[in-house]
Protein backbone atom coordinates (compact mmCIF):
# COMPACT_ATOMS: atom_id res chain seq x y z
CA MET A 1 -16.20 22.54 -13.35
CA GLU A 2 -15.86 20.00 -10.19
CA ASN A 3 -12.46 19.02 -9.42
CA ASN A 4 -13.08 15.48 -8.61
CA ILE A 5 -9.53 14.67 -6.90
CA ASN A 6 -9.42 14.10 -3.14
CA LYS A 7 -6.13 13.39 -1.27
CA MET A 8 -4.63 12.52 1.92
CA THR A 9 -1.03 11.83 3.91
CA LEU A 10 -0.82 9.85 6.80
CA ILE A 11 2.75 9.50 8.06
CA ILE A 12 3.39 6.80 10.88
CA SER A 13 6.28 5.18 12.52
CA ALA A 14 7.15 1.78 11.11
CA ASP A 15 6.10 -0.13 13.90
CA THR A 16 3.99 -3.07 13.47
CA LYS A 17 1.19 -1.82 15.93
CA ASN A 18 0.57 0.61 13.42
CA GLN A 19 -0.45 -1.42 10.62
CA ALA A 20 -4.19 -2.23 11.42
CA PHE A 21 -4.17 1.56 11.71
CA ALA A 22 -2.96 2.40 8.34
CA ARG A 23 -5.19 -0.31 6.51
CA SER A 24 -8.23 1.72 8.43
CA VAL A 25 -7.33 5.01 7.60
CA VAL A 26 -7.25 4.02 3.89
CA ALA A 27 -10.06 2.10 3.87
CA ALA A 28 -12.12 4.96 5.50
CA PHE A 29 -10.69 7.25 3.46
CA CYS A 30 -12.12 5.69 -0.13
CA THR A 31 -15.46 5.20 1.43
CA GLU A 32 -16.58 8.30 -0.72
CA LEU A 33 -16.09 6.03 -3.20
CA ASN A 34 -18.66 3.73 -1.98
CA PRO A 35 -16.69 0.50 -2.27
CA THR A 36 -17.86 -3.15 -2.03
CA VAL A 37 -17.05 -4.75 1.05
CA SER A 38 -14.73 -6.87 -1.12
CA GLU A 39 -13.04 -3.92 -2.87
CA LEU A 40 -12.28 -2.53 0.92
CA ASN A 41 -10.71 -5.84 1.41
CA ASP A 42 -8.53 -5.75 -1.24
CA ILE A 43 -6.99 -2.62 -0.39
CA LYS A 44 -6.70 -3.18 3.13
CA THR A 45 -4.97 -6.49 2.37
CA ALA A 46 -2.63 -4.75 -0.04
CA VAL A 47 -2.16 -1.71 2.19
CA SER A 48 -0.67 -4.31 4.72
CA GLU A 49 1.57 -5.85 2.42
CA ALA A 50 3.15 -2.67 1.60
CA VAL A 51 3.54 -1.21 5.12
CA THR A 52 4.97 -4.80 6.61
CA ASN A 53 7.26 -4.77 3.67
CA CYS A 54 8.73 -1.53 4.81
CA ILE A 55 8.64 -2.65 8.68
CA VAL A 56 10.65 -5.66 7.90
CA HIS A 57 12.95 -5.09 4.76
CA ALA A 58 13.39 -1.31 4.65
CA TYR A 59 13.77 -0.42 8.13
CA GLU A 60 14.60 -4.00 9.57
CA ASN A 61 12.08 -3.47 12.33
CA ASP A 62 13.75 -0.21 13.64
CA ASN A 63 10.48 1.48 14.56
CA SER A 64 11.96 4.92 15.01
CA LYS A 65 11.54 5.31 11.33
CA ASP A 66 8.70 6.80 9.37
CA ILE A 67 6.37 5.59 6.58
CA THR A 68 4.49 8.02 4.70
CA ILE A 69 1.29 6.95 2.78
CA THR A 70 -0.63 9.08 0.48
CA GLY A 71 -4.30 8.63 -0.68
CA ILE A 72 -5.29 10.14 -4.30
CA ILE A 73 -8.85 9.68 -5.15
CA ASP A 74 -9.25 10.85 -8.87
CA GLY A 75 -12.41 9.88 -10.06
CA CYS A 76 -13.32 6.40 -9.61
CA GLU A 77 -9.88 5.40 -9.18
CA LEU A 78 -7.94 5.09 -5.82
CA THR A 79 -4.00 5.77 -5.56
CA VAL A 80 -2.05 4.28 -2.48
CA GLN A 81 1.46 5.14 -2.29
CA ILE A 82 3.55 4.21 0.22
CA ALA A 83 7.01 5.15 0.88
CA ASP A 84 9.97 4.65 3.31
CA GLU A 85 13.43 5.87 3.27
CA GLY A 86 14.96 2.63 4.31
CA LYS A 87 17.98 0.85 2.54
CA GLY A 88 16.09 -0.06 -0.93
CA ILE A 89 15.64 -2.74 -3.48
CA LYS A 90 18.86 -3.48 -5.38
CA ASP A 91 16.58 -5.48 -7.83
CA ILE A 92 12.95 -4.79 -8.46
CA GLU A 93 12.41 -7.67 -11.21
CA GLN A 94 13.61 -10.48 -8.60
CA ALA A 95 12.06 -8.84 -5.81
CA ILE A 96 8.84 -8.84 -7.38
CA GLN A 97 9.05 -12.55 -8.15
CA PRO A 98 6.72 -15.32 -5.97
CA PHE A 99 8.62 -16.60 -3.16
CA PHE A 100 11.71 -14.50 -3.58
CA THR A 101 12.67 -13.16 0.42
CA THR A 102 15.65 -11.78 1.66
CA LYS A 103 14.79 -12.82 4.89
CA GLU A 104 15.76 -16.49 4.61
CA GLY A 105 14.97 -18.88 7.69
CA GLU A 106 12.39 -16.69 9.09
CA GLU A 107 8.56 -16.72 8.63
CA ARG A 108 8.43 -15.17 5.54
CA SER A 109 6.75 -16.09 2.17
CA GLY A 110 8.32 -13.69 -0.12
CA MET A 111 4.95 -13.18 -1.65
CA GLY A 112 4.08 -9.25 -0.55
CA PHE A 113 4.49 -8.07 -3.90
CA THR A 114 2.05 -10.99 -5.44
CA VAL A 115 -0.30 -10.38 -2.87
CA MET A 116 -0.54 -7.09 -3.78
CA GLN A 117 -0.67 -7.50 -7.39
CA THR A 118 -3.39 -9.88 -6.99
CA PHE A 119 -5.51 -7.01 -5.23
CA MET A 120 -5.12 -4.42 -7.00
CA ASP A 121 -5.39 -3.30 -10.33
CA LYS A 122 -2.05 -1.92 -11.08
CA VAL A 123 1.27 -1.75 -8.48
CA GLU A 124 4.70 -0.10 -9.62
CA VAL A 125 7.95 0.18 -7.43
CA PHE A 126 10.36 2.49 -7.11
CA SER A 127 13.61 2.17 -5.42
CA ALA A 128 16.97 3.32 -5.17
CA LEU A 129 19.49 2.04 -3.00
CA ASN A 130 20.15 3.41 0.98
CA LYS A 131 17.40 6.04 -0.31
CA GLY A 132 13.95 4.04 0.04
CA THR A 133 10.97 2.62 -2.03
CA THR A 134 8.06 3.95 -2.85
CA VAL A 135 4.93 1.48 -3.66
CA VAL A 136 2.49 2.71 -5.92
CA MET A 137 -0.72 0.92 -6.22
CA LYS A 138 -4.25 1.73 -7.75
CA LYS A 139 -7.91 0.59 -7.59
CA LEU A 140 -10.42 1.25 -9.63
CA ILE A 141 -13.54 1.24 -7.52
CA SER A 142 -16.56 -0.89 -9.48
CA ARG A 143 -19.22 1.77 -8.04
CA GLU A 144 -21.66 -1.18 -8.03
CA GLY A 145 -22.91 -0.22 -4.94
CA GLU A 146 -23.73 3.11 -5.34
CA VAL A 147 -26.03 5.19 -3.31
CA ILE A 148 -28.11 7.70 -5.52
CA ASP A 149 -28.86 10.85 -3.35
CA ALA A 150 -32.48 11.20 -2.59
């Protein structure tokens, strides 16, 4: 029986210049599922939001820290885990509410988790104070654009 699970791990510095790279790597990784352009854009947007949260909130722009991105493909489902070892989230339920931000007075909308939830099928957040946060996002790829091998 063929194993339909594929995995990848990417470790990047928590630097805004790596955000586009992270988006591109995850998008390239999931191309084996033949996602639509819309699905790819959804995934890339969610990854950007999660990486931004690590940079801005977990590490407060300390680019000497690392972000670990894990991609798992199981059948038609993509799972993306984005993890930091930052300060953690005190109250996850509060943090995932639209417009909640810990960066009052800055150009932050407090919509990061809402964006992730909008563009992915499932989003879970696990966090421990002073240990870090892991965001697990799942998306079922429709296979509408599936190419049949000749």
